[in-house]
PDB file of N, CA and C in Angstrom:
ATOM      1  N   MET A   1     116.117  14.911  -4.677  1.00  0.00           N
ATOM      2  CA  MET A   1     115.826  15.273  -3.324  1.00  0.00           C
ATOM      3  C   MET A   1     116.466  16.625  -3.064  1.00  0.00           C
ATOM      4  N   GLU A   2     115.677  17.510  -2.478  1.00  0.00           N
ATOM      5  CA  GLU A   2     116.194  18.823  -2.130  1.00  0.00           C
ATOM      6  C   GLU A   2     115.914  19.100  -0.659  1.00  0.00           C
ATOM      7  N   GLY A   3     116.908  19.593   0.049  1.00  0.00           N
ATOM      8  CA  GLY A   3     116.752  19.961   1.445  1.00  0.00           C
ATOM      9  C   GLY A   3     116.735  21.468   1.588  1.00  0.00           C
ATOM     10  N   HIS A   4     115.920  21.960   2.523  1.00  0.00           N
ATOM     11  CA  HIS A   4     115.772  23.397   2.756  1.00  0.00           C
ATOM     12  C   HIS A   4     115.782  23.654   4.262  1.00  0.00           C
ATOM     13  N   THR A   5     116.162  24.869   4.646  1.00  0.00           N
ATOM     14  CA  THR A   5     116.138  25.281   6.046  1.00  0.00           C
ATOM     15  C   THR A   5     115.468  26.639   6.166  1.00  0.00           C
ATOM     16  N   ASP A   6     115.218  27.033   7.413  1.00  0.00           N
ATOM     17  CA  ASP A   6     114.779  28.402   7.644  1.00  0.00           C
ATOM     18  C   ASP A   6     116.034  29.287   7.675  1.00  0.00           C
ATOM     19  N   SER A   7     115.871  30.555   7.974  1.00  0.00           N
ATOM     20  CA  SER A   7     117.007  31.491   7.928  1.00  0.00           C
ATOM     21  C   SER A   7     117.697  31.706   9.270  1.00  0.00           C
ATOM     22  N   LYS A   8     117.333  30.927  10.271  1.00  0.00           N
ATOM     23  CA  LYS A   8     117.978  31.104  11.564  1.00  0.00           C
ATOM     24  C   LYS A   8     119.448  30.698  11.447  1.00  0.00           C
ATOM     25  N   PRO A   9     120.363  31.630  11.685  1.00  0.00           N
ATOM     26  CA  PRO A   9     121.785  31.307  11.519  1.00  0.00           C
ATOM     27  C   PRO A   9     122.317  30.488  12.691  1.00  0.00           C
ATOM     28  N   TYR A  10     123.325  29.711  12.405  1.00  0.00           N
ATOM     29  CA  TYR A  10     124.073  29.017  13.447  1.00  0.00           C
ATOM     30  C   TYR A  10     125.095  30.015  13.993  1.00  0.00           C
ATOM     31  N   PRO A  11     125.609  29.775  15.190  1.00  0.00           N
ATOM     32  CA  PRO A  11     126.635  30.692  15.720  1.00  0.00           C
ATOM     33  C   PRO A  11     127.849  30.723  14.786  1.00  0.00           C
ATOM     34  N   PRO A  12     128.523  31.862  14.697  1.00  0.00           N
ATOM     35  CA  PRO A  12     129.693  31.978  13.794  1.00  0.00           C
ATOM     36  C   PRO A  12     130.790  30.958  14.078  1.00  0.00           C
ATOM     37  N   THR A  13     130.848  30.475  15.312  1.00  0.00           N
ATOM     38  CA  THR A  13     131.893  29.507  15.672  1.00  0.00           C
ATOM     39  C   THR A  13     131.504  28.060  15.354  1.00  0.00           C
ATOM     40  N   ALA A  14     130.261  27.847  14.940  1.00  0.00           N
ATOM     41  CA  ALA A  14     129.783  26.481  14.662  1.00  0.00           C
ATOM     42  C   ALA A  14     130.441  25.935  13.400  1.00  0.00           C
ATOM     43  N   ALA A  15     130.784  24.667  13.441  1.00  0.00           N
ATOM     44  CA  ALA A  15     131.367  24.005  12.267  1.00  0.00           C
ATOM     45  C   ALA A  15     130.277  23.422  11.373  1.00  0.00           C
ATOM     46  N   TYR A  16     129.029  23.683  11.723  1.00  0.00           N
ATOM     47  CA  TYR A  16     127.877  23.138  11.006  1.00  0.00           C
ATOM     48  C   TYR A  16     126.916  24.296  10.798  1.00  0.00           C
ATOM     49  N   GLY A  17     126.283  24.347   9.623  1.00  0.00           N
ATOM     50  CA  GLY A  17     125.369  25.455   9.351  1.00  0.00           C
ATOM     51  C   GLY A  17     124.190  25.020   8.508  1.00  0.00           C
ATOM     52  N   ASN A  18     123.439  25.984   8.017  1.00  0.00           N
ATOM     53  CA  ASN A  18     122.244  25.692   7.233  1.00  0.00           C
ATOM     54  C   ASN A  18     122.542  24.936   5.940  1.00  0.00           C
ATOM     55  N   TRP A  19     123.702  25.180   5.347  1.00  0.00           N
ATOM     56  CA  TRP A  19     124.043  24.435   4.123  1.00  0.00           C
ATOM     57  C   TRP A  19     124.198  22.950   4.439  1.00  0.00           C
ATOM     58  N   GLU A  20     124.944  22.642   5.486  1.00  0.00           N
ATOM     59  CA  GLU A  20     125.138  21.241   5.868  1.00  0.00           C
ATOM     60  C   GLU A  20     123.816  20.593   6.289  1.00  0.00           C
ATOM     61  N   LEU A  21     123.020  21.348   7.056  1.00  0.00           N
ATOM     62  CA  LEU A  21     121.732  20.825   7.496  1.00  0.00           C
ATOM     63  C   LEU A  21     120.828  20.497   6.316  1.00  0.00           C
ATOM     64  N   SER A  22     120.776  21.373   5.331  1.00  0.00           N
ATOM     65  CA  SER A  22     119.877  21.143   4.192  1.00  0.00           C
ATOM     66  C   SER A  22     120.294  19.919   3.383  1.00  0.00           C
ATOM     67  N   VAL A  23     121.585  19.731   3.192  1.00  0.00           N
ATOM     68  CA  VAL A  23     122.064  18.544   2.471  1.00  0.00           C
ATOM     69  C   VAL A  23     121.815  17.281   3.292  1.00  0.00           C
ATOM     70  N   ASP A  24     122.086  17.348   4.595  1.00  0.00           N
ATOM     71  CA  ASP A  24     121.848  16.189   5.460  1.00  0.00           C
ATOM     72  C   ASP A  24     120.366  15.826   5.491  1.00  0.00           C
ATOM     73  N   ARG A  25     119.512  16.813   5.478  1.00  0.00           N
ATOM     74  CA  ARG A  25     118.065  16.578   5.484  1.00  0.00           C
ATOM     75  C   ARG A  25     117.650  15.833   4.206  1.00  0.00           C
ATOM     76  N   ALA A  26     118.130  16.286   3.057  1.00  0.00           N
ATOM     77  CA  ALA A  26     117.799  15.626   1.793  1.00  0.00           C
ATOM     78  C   ALA A  26     118.391  14.219   1.739  1.00  0.00           C
ATOM     79  N   ASN A  27     119.607  14.058   2.230  1.00  0.00           N
ATOM     80  CA  ASN A  27     120.257  12.743   2.202  1.00  0.00           C
ATOM     81  C   ASN A  27     119.565  11.762   3.143  1.00  0.00           C
ATOM     82  N   ALA A  28     119.059  12.241   4.270  1.00  0.00           N
ATOM     83  CA  ALA A  28     118.308  11.370   5.186  1.00  0.00           C
ATOM     84  C   ALA A  28     117.027  10.875   4.522  1.00  0.00           C
ATOM     85  N   ALA A  29     116.370  11.732   3.750  1.00  0.00           N
ATOM     86  CA  ALA A  29     115.167  11.321   3.019  1.00  0.00           C
ATOM     87  C   ALA A  29     115.519  10.274   1.964  1.00  0.00           C
ATOM     88  N   ARG A  30     116.656  10.464   1.284  1.00  0.00           N
ATOM     89  CA  ARG A  30     117.108   9.484   0.285  1.00  0.00           C
ATOM     90  C   ARG A  30     117.334   8.128   0.939  1.00  0.00           C
ATOM     91  N   ARG A  31     118.039   8.125   2.078  1.00  0.00           N
ATOM     92  CA  ARG A  31     118.307   6.860   2.776  1.00  0.00           C
ATOM     93  C   ARG A  31     117.011   6.179   3.185  1.00  0.00           C
ATOM     94  N   LEU A  32     116.077   6.933   3.723  1.00  0.00           N
ATOM     95  CA  LEU A  32     114.797   6.372   4.149  1.00  0.00           C
ATOM     96  C   LEU A  32     114.052   5.739   2.976  1.00  0.00           C
ATOM     97  N   MET A  33     114.012   6.440   1.845  1.00  0.00           N
ATOM     98  CA  MET A  33     113.299   5.907   0.681  1.00  0.00           C
ATOM     99  C   MET A  33     113.986   4.660   0.137  1.00  0.00           C
ATOM    100  N   GLN A  34     115.306   4.669   0.092  1.00  0.00           N
ATOM    101  CA  GLN A  34     116.016   3.489  -0.410  1.00  0.00           C
ATOM    102  C   GLN A  34     115.901   2.319   0.565  1.00  0.00           C
ATOM    103  N   ASN A  35     115.931   2.580   1.865  1.00  0.00           N
ATOM    104  CA  ASN A  35     115.768   1.516   2.853  1.00  0.00           C
ATOM    105  C   ASN A  35     114.350   0.958   2.838  1.00  0.00           C
ATOM    106  N   SER A  36     113.416   1.726   2.284  1.00  0.00           N
ATOM    107  CA  SER A  36     112.020   1.284   2.179  1.00  0.00           C
ATOM    108  C   SER A  36     111.731   0.603   0.852  1.00  0.00           C
ATOM    109  N   GLY A  37     112.754   0.448  -0.002  1.00  0.00           N
ATOM    110  CA  GLY A  37     112.579  -0.322  -1.222  1.00  0.00           C
ATOM    111  C   GLY A  37     112.744   0.415  -2.529  1.00  0.00           C
ATOM    112  N   MET A  38     112.959   1.718  -2.512  1.00  0.00           N
ATOM    113  CA  MET A  38     113.154   2.434  -3.770  1.00  0.00           C
ATOM    114  C   MET A  38     114.515   2.067  -4.359  1.00  0.00           C
ATOM    115  N   PRO A  39     114.545   1.660  -5.629  1.00  0.00           N
ATOM    116  CA  PRO A  39     115.829   1.330  -6.256  1.00  0.00           C
ATOM    117  C   PRO A  39     116.759   2.549  -6.281  1.00  0.00           C
ATOM    118  N   SER A  40     118.036   2.325  -6.027  1.00  0.00           N
ATOM    119  CA  SER A  40     118.992   3.433  -5.947  1.00  0.00           C
ATOM    120  C   SER A  40     119.089   4.210  -7.252  1.00  0.00           C
ATOM    121  N   GLY A  41     118.851   3.573  -8.390  1.00  0.00           N
ATOM    122  CA  GLY A  41     118.935   4.257  -9.676  1.00  0.00           C
ATOM    123  C   GLY A  41     117.831   5.263  -9.919  1.00  0.00           C
ATOM    124  N   GLN A  42     116.793   5.246  -9.084  1.00  0.00           N
ATOM    125  CA  GLN A  42     115.699   6.197  -9.270  1.00  0.00           C
ATOM    126  C   GLN A  42     115.978   7.543  -8.624  1.00  0.00           C
ATOM    127  N   ILE A  43     116.995   7.630  -7.825  1.00  0.00           N
ATOM    128  CA  ILE A  43     117.371   8.907  -7.215  1.00  0.00           C
ATOM    129  C   ILE A  43     118.622   9.387  -7.931  1.00  0.00           C
ATOM    130  N   THR A  44     118.514  10.535  -8.579  1.00  0.00           N
ATOM    131  CA  THR A  44     119.629  11.016  -9.385  1.00  0.00           C
ATOM    132  C   THR A  44     120.367  12.196  -8.761  1.00  0.00           C
ATOM    133  N   GLN A  45     119.739  12.896  -7.808  1.00  0.00           N
ATOM    134  CA  GLN A  45     120.394  14.050  -7.202  1.00  0.00           C
ATOM    135  C   GLN A  45     119.950  14.206  -5.753  1.00  0.00           C
ATOM    136  N   VAL A  46     120.872  14.647  -4.925  1.00  0.00           N
ATOM    137  CA  VAL A  46     120.583  15.043  -3.557  1.00  0.00           C
ATOM    138  C   VAL A  46     121.221  16.422  -3.410  1.00  0.00           C
ATOM    139  N   ARG A  47     120.363  17.436  -3.183  1.00  0.00           N
ATOM    140  CA  ARG A  47     120.860  18.813  -3.162  1.00  0.00           C
ATOM    141  C   ARG A  47     120.389  19.549  -1.911  1.00  0.00           C
ATOM    142  N   GLY A  48     121.211  20.462  -1.459  1.00  0.00           N
ATOM    143  CA  GLY A  48     120.849  21.302  -0.330  1.00  0.00           C
ATOM    144  C   GLY A  48     120.806  22.754  -0.762  1.00  0.00           C
ATOM    145  N   PHE A  49     119.768  23.469  -0.344  1.00  0.00           N
ATOM    146  CA  PHE A  49     119.611  24.880  -0.713  1.00  0.00           C
ATOM    147  C   PHE A  49     119.679  25.822   0.485  1.00  0.00           C
ATOM    148  N   ALA A  50     119.921  25.281   1.671  1.00  0.00           N
ATOM    149  CA  ALA A  50     119.947  26.102   2.891  1.00  0.00           C
ATOM    150  C   ALA A  50     118.686  26.944   2.955  1.00  0.00           C
ATOM    151  N   ASP A  51     118.827  28.258   3.128  1.00  0.00           N
ATOM    152  CA  ASP A  51     117.666  29.150   3.230  1.00  0.00           C
ATOM    153  C   ASP A  51     117.455  29.962   1.955  1.00  0.00           C
ATOM    154  N   GLN A  52     117.995  29.498   0.836  1.00  0.00           N
ATOM    155  CA  GLN A  52     117.967  30.273  -0.406  1.00  0.00           C
ATOM    156  C   GLN A  52     116.659  30.180  -1.193  1.00  0.00           C
ATOM    157  N   ARG A  53     115.835  29.183  -0.913  1.00  0.00           N
ATOM    158  CA  ARG A  53     114.553  29.020  -1.609  1.00  0.00           C
ATOM    159  C   ARG A  53     113.436  28.769  -0.587  1.00  0.00           C
ATOM    160  N   PRO A  54     113.117  29.775   0.197  1.00  0.00           N
ATOM    161  CA  PRO A  54     112.116  29.565   1.246  1.00  0.00           C
ATOM    162  C   PRO A  54     110.711  29.373   0.692  1.00  0.00           C
ATOM    163  N   ARG A  55     109.931  28.585   1.382  1.00  0.00           N
ATOM    164  CA  ARG A  55     108.520  28.409   1.039  1.00  0.00           C
ATOM    165  C   ARG A  55     107.772  29.698   1.345  1.00  0.00           C
ATOM    166  N   LYS A  56     108.141  30.342   2.417  1.00  0.00           N
ATOM    167  CA  LYS A  56     107.525  31.606   2.822  1.00  0.00           C
ATOM    168  C   LYS A  56     108.606  32.697   2.880  1.00  0.00           C
ATOM    169  N   PRO A  57     108.893  33.333   1.761  1.00  0.00           N
ATOM    170  CA  PRO A  57     109.954  34.362   1.745  1.00  0.00           C
ATOM    171  C   PRO A  57     109.659  35.540   2.677  1.00  0.00           C
ATOM    172  N   GLU A  58     108.376  35.806   2.891  1.00  0.00           N
ATOM    173  CA  GLU A  58     107.996  36.922   3.765  1.00  0.00           C
ATOM    174  C   GLU A  58     108.208  36.586   5.243  1.00  0.00           C
ATOM    175  N   ALA A  59     108.427  35.313   5.551  1.00  0.00           N
ATOM    176  CA  ALA A  59     108.648  34.865   6.928  1.00  0.00           C
ATOM    177  C   ALA A  59     109.831  33.900   6.949  1.00  0.00           C
ATOM    178  N   PRO A  60     111.055  34.404   6.839  1.00  0.00           N
ATOM    179  CA  PRO A  60     112.223  33.521   6.692  1.00  0.00           C
ATOM    180  C   PRO A  60     112.488  32.573   7.853  1.00  0.00           C
ATOM    181  N   LEU A  61     111.941  32.867   9.042  1.00  0.00           N
ATOM    182  CA  LEU A  61     112.148  31.975  10.187  1.00  0.00           C
ATOM    183  C   LEU A  61     111.001  30.995  10.381  1.00  0.00           C
ATOM    184  N   ASP A  62     110.008  31.037   9.505  1.00  0.00           N
ATOM    185  CA  ASP A  62     108.843  30.162   9.628  1.00  0.00           C
ATOM    186  C   ASP A  62     109.269  28.693   9.537  1.00  0.00           C
ATOM    187  N   PRO A  63     108.751  27.849  10.424  1.00  0.00           N
ATOM    188  CA  PRO A  63     109.115  26.427  10.403  1.00  0.00           C
ATOM    189  C   PRO A  63     108.792  25.720   9.086  1.00  0.00           C
ATOM    190  N   SER A  64     107.833  26.205   8.322  1.00  0.00           N
ATOM    191  CA  SER A  64     107.505  25.528   7.055  1.00  0.00           C
ATOM    192  C   SER A  64     108.620  25.670   6.019  1.00  0.00           C
ATOM    193  N   ASN A  65     109.577  26.541   6.263  1.00  0.00           N
ATOM    194  CA  ASN A  65     110.734  26.645   5.372  1.00  0.00           C
ATOM    195  C   ASN A  65     111.711  25.498   5.587  1.00  0.00           C
ATOM    196  N   ARG A  66     111.551  24.762   6.682  1.00  0.00           N
ATOM    197  CA  ARG A  66     112.387  23.583   6.968  1.00  0.00           C
ATOM    198  C   ARG A  66     111.694  22.384   6.338  1.00  0.00           C
ATOM    199  N   ARG A  67     112.230  21.917   5.228  1.00  0.00           N
ATOM    200  CA  ARG A  67     111.514  20.868   4.497  1.00  0.00           C
ATOM    201  C   ARG A  67     112.442  20.160   3.526  1.00  0.00           C
ATOM    202  N   ILE A  68     111.900  19.110   2.924  1.00  0.00           N
ATOM    203  CA  ILE A  68     112.550  18.483   1.772  1.00  0.00           C
ATOM    204  C   ILE A  68     111.578  18.584   0.607  1.00  0.00           C
ATOM    205  N   SER A  69     112.121  18.580  -0.584  1.00  0.00           N
ATOM    206  CA  SER A  69     111.324  18.516  -1.810  1.00  0.00           C
ATOM    207  C   SER A  69     111.753  17.266  -2.546  1.00  0.00           C
ATOM    208  N   VAL A  70     110.786  16.511  -2.995  1.00  0.00           N
ATOM    209  CA  VAL A  70     111.068  15.320  -3.795  1.00  0.00           C
ATOM    210  C   VAL A  70     110.604  15.650  -5.205  1.00  0.00           C
ATOM    211  N   ILE A  71     111.533  15.715  -6.120  1.00  0.00           N
ATOM    212  CA  ILE A  71     111.237  16.042  -7.515  1.00  0.00           C
ATOM    213  C   ILE A  71     111.110  14.722  -8.270  1.00  0.00           C
ATOM    214  N   VAL A  72     109.960  14.501  -8.873  1.00  0.00           N
ATOM    215  CA  VAL A  72     109.703  13.266  -9.609  1.00  0.00           C
ATOM    216  C   VAL A  72     109.727  13.596 -11.097  1.00  0.00           C
ATOM    217  N   GLN A  73     110.609  12.930 -11.802  1.00  0.00           N
ATOM    218  CA  GLN A  73     110.734  13.154 -13.239  1.00  0.00           C
ATOM    219  C   GLN A  73     110.061  12.016 -13.979  1.00  0.00           C
ATOM    220  N   TYR A  74     109.200  12.371 -14.904  1.00  0.00           N
ATOM    221  CA  TYR A  74     108.520  11.380 -15.727  1.00  0.00           C
ATOM    222  C   TYR A  74     109.426  11.018 -16.888  1.00  0.00           C
ATOM    223  N   LEU A  75     109.769   9.766 -16.995  1.00  0.00           N
ATOM    224  CA  LEU A  75     110.597   9.275 -18.099  1.00  0.00           C
ATOM    225  C   LEU A  75     109.775   8.308 -18.913  1.00  0.00           C
ATOM    226  N   LYS A  76     109.708   8.533 -20.182  1.00  0.00           N
ATOM    227  CA  LYS A  76     108.958   7.662 -21.071  1.00  0.00           C
ATOM    228  C   LYS A  76     109.876   6.516 -21.481  1.00  0.00           C
ATOM    229  N   HIS A  77     109.459   5.303 -21.162  1.00  0.00           N
ATOM    230  CA  HIS A  77     110.240   4.125 -21.536  1.00  0.00           C
ATOM    231  C   HIS A  77     109.964   3.779 -22.993  1.00  0.00           C
ATOM    232  N   LYS A  78     110.999   3.284 -23.656  1.00  0.00           N
ATOM    233  CA  LYS A  78     110.845   2.892 -25.057  1.00  0.00           C
ATOM    234  C   LYS A  78     110.982   1.398 -25.200  1.00  0.00           C
ATOM    235  N   ASP A  79     110.214   0.852 -26.154  1.00  0.00           N
ATOM    236  CA  ASP A  79     110.312  -0.557 -26.491  1.00  0.00           C
ATOM    237  C   ASP A  79     111.678  -0.744 -27.148  1.00  0.00           C
ATOM    238  N   SER A  80     112.492  -1.632 -26.617  1.00  0.00           N
ATOM    239  CA  SER A  80     113.864  -1.775 -27.102  1.00  0.00           C
ATOM    240  C   SER A  80     113.944  -2.251 -28.547  1.00  0.00           C
ATOM    241  N   SER A  81     112.938  -2.968 -29.042  1.00  0.00           N
ATOM    242  CA  SER A  81     113.027  -3.486 -30.405  1.00  0.00           C
ATOM    243  C   SER A  81     112.612  -2.456 -31.449  1.00  0.00           C
ATOM    244  N   SER A  82     111.615  -1.626 -31.158  1.00  0.00           N
ATOM    245  CA  SER A  82     111.134  -0.694 -32.165  1.00  0.00           C
ATOM    246  C   SER A  82     111.475   0.756 -31.865  1.00  0.00           C
ATOM    247  N   GLY A  83     111.908   1.043 -30.626  1.00  0.00           N
ATOM    248  CA  GLY A  83     112.196   2.413 -30.267  1.00  0.00           C
ATOM    249  C   GLY A  83     110.945   3.205 -29.923  1.00  0.00           C
ATOM    250  N   GLU A  84     109.770   2.563 -29.937  1.00  0.00           N
ATOM    251  CA  GLU A  84     108.522   3.243 -29.614  1.00  0.00           C
ATOM    252  C   GLU A  84     108.084   2.858 -28.217  1.00  0.00           C
ATOM    253  N   SER A  85     107.227   3.687 -27.652  1.00  0.00           N
ATOM    254  CA  SER A  85     106.699   3.397 -26.316  1.00  0.00           C
ATOM    255  C   SER A  85     105.809   2.171 -26.374  1.00  0.00           C
ATOM    256  N   SER A  86     105.930   1.327 -25.379  1.00  0.00           N
ATOM    257  CA  SER A  86     105.109   0.128 -25.297  1.00  0.00           C
ATOM    258  C   SER A  86     103.714   0.480 -24.815  1.00  0.00           C
ATOM    259  N   ALA A  87     102.706  -0.129 -25.383  1.00  0.00           N
ATOM    260  CA  ALA A  87     101.317   0.120 -24.990  1.00  0.00           C
ATOM    261  C   ALA A  87     101.030  -0.438 -23.608  1.00  0.00           C
ATOM    262  N   GLU A  88     101.889  -1.335 -23.131  1.00  0.00           N
ATOM    263  CA  GLU A  88     101.661  -1.938 -21.825  1.00  0.00           C
ATOM    264  C   GLU A  88     102.220  -1.093 -20.693  1.00  0.00           C
ATOM    265  N   GLU A  89     102.775   0.076 -20.986  1.00  0.00           N
ATOM    266  CA  GLU A  89     103.365   0.906 -19.967  1.00  0.00           C
ATOM    267  C   GLU A  89     102.388   1.969 -19.513  1.00  0.00           C
ATOM    268  N   SER A  90     102.381   2.211 -18.229  1.00  0.00           N
ATOM    269  CA  SER A  90     101.502   3.235 -17.670  1.00  0.00           C
ATOM    270  C   SER A  90     102.171   4.595 -17.771  1.00  0.00           C
ATOM    271  N   LYS A  91     101.430   5.624 -17.384  1.00  0.00           N
ATOM    272  CA  LYS A  91     101.995   6.967 -17.379  1.00  0.00           C
ATOM    273  C   LYS A  91     103.146   7.081 -16.401  1.00  0.00           C
ATOM    274  N   ALA A  92     103.177   6.247 -15.391  1.00  0.00           N
ATOM    275  CA  ALA A  92     104.265   6.281 -14.414  1.00  0.00           C
ATOM    276  C   ALA A  92     105.521   5.622 -14.950  1.00  0.00           C
ATOM    277  N   GLY A  93     105.448   5.042 -16.121  1.00  0.00           N
ATOM    278  CA  GLY A  93     106.623   4.434 -16.722  1.00  0.00           C
ATOM    279  C   GLY A  93     106.882   3.022 -16.239  1.00  0.00           C
ATOM    280  N   GLN A  94     105.932   2.423 -15.573  1.00  0.00           N
ATOM    281  CA  GLN A  94     106.118   1.065 -15.097  1.00  0.00           C
ATOM    282  C   GLN A  94     105.324   0.110 -15.957  1.00  0.00           C
ATOM    283  N   LYS A  95     105.906  -1.057 -16.193  1.00  0.00           N
ATOM    284  CA  LYS A  95     105.229  -2.056 -17.011  1.00  0.00           C
ATOM    285  C   LYS A  95     104.009  -2.582 -16.293  1.00  0.00           C
ATOM    286  N   GLN A  96     102.922  -2.645 -17.004  1.00  0.00           N
ATOM    287  CA  GLN A  96     101.676  -3.153 -16.452  1.00  0.00           C
ATOM    288  C   GLN A  96     101.499  -4.593 -16.921  1.00  0.00           C
ATOM    289  N   PRO A  97     100.865  -5.432 -16.117  1.00  0.00           N
ATOM    290  CA  PRO A  97     100.641  -6.806 -16.561  1.00  0.00           C
ATOM    291  C   PRO A  97      99.718  -6.806 -17.777  1.00  0.00           C
ATOM    292  N   ALA A  98      99.982  -7.718 -18.678  1.00  0.00           N
ATOM    293  CA  ALA A  98      99.139  -7.830 -19.869  1.00  0.00           C
ATOM    294  C   ALA A  98      97.729  -8.226 -19.459  1.00  0.00           C
ATOM    295  N   LYS A  99      96.739  -7.698 -20.149  1.00  0.00           N
ATOM    296  CA  LYS A  99      95.355  -8.029 -19.838  1.00  0.00           C
ATOM    297  C   LYS A  99      95.095  -9.472 -20.227  1.00  0.00           C
ATOM    298  N   GLU A 100      94.366 -10.142 -19.360  1.00  0.00           N
ATOM    299  CA  GLU A 100      94.047 -11.534 -19.649  1.00  0.00           C
ATOM    300  C   GLU A 100      92.907 -11.584 -20.667  1.00  0.00           C
ATOM    301  N   GLU A 101      93.063 -12.445 -21.639  1.00  0.00           N
ATOM    302  CA  GLU A 101      92.014 -12.617 -22.618  1.00  0.00           C
ATOM    303  C   GLU A 101      91.208 -13.849 -22.221  1.00  0.00           C
ATOM    304  N   LYS A 102      89.906 -13.762 -22.422  1.00  0.00           N
ATOM    305  CA  LYS A 102      89.059 -14.913 -22.112  1.00  0.00           C
ATOM    306  C   LYS A 102      89.273 -15.974 -23.172  1.00  0.00           C
ATOM    307  N   ALA A 103      89.475 -17.184 -22.700  1.00  0.00           N
ATOM    308  CA  ALA A 103      89.673 -18.296 -23.634  1.00  0.00           C
ATOM    309  C   ALA A 103      88.335 -18.635 -24.290  1.00  0.00           C
ATOM    310  N   ALA A 104      88.400 -18.884 -25.593  1.00  0.00           N
ATOM    311  CA  ALA A 104      87.175 -19.280 -26.317  1.00  0.00           C
ATOM    312  C   ALA A 104      86.770 -20.673 -25.872  1.00  0.00           C
ATOM    313  N   LYS A 105      85.482 -20.840 -25.630  1.00  0.00           N
ATOM    314  CA  LYS A 105      84.995 -22.151 -25.239  1.00  0.00           C
ATOM    315  C   LYS A 105      84.838 -23.016 -26.473  1.00  0.00           C
ATOM    316  N   PRO A 106      85.262 -24.297 -26.372  1.00  0.00           N
ATOM    317  CA  PRO A 106      85.154 -25.195 -27.541  1.00  0.00           C
ATOM    318  C   PRO A 106      83.725 -25.550 -27.863  1.00  0.00           C
TER     319      PRO A 106
END
């Protein structure tokens, strides 16, 4: 999870700024996803970038620079007995139910 902000600065006397906002934004997304059922082990990082990676560099105050990015990493699962990928696994890395075979009629 990555949090981003626009370039509008907070007042110099503020104890909170774009760095804190960007991290809080990413962490709020993490909490929402985990509260909605995502296993905690599937989230490996929560990072804040403040205004350092704008979506629109030519318009640093543009509202679209205020966002989160969810980075999804594809991990290939291995069959624990052979060390090879299981044929029953999808591209998303989740186990798929085995296909039902039609029973032969006697």
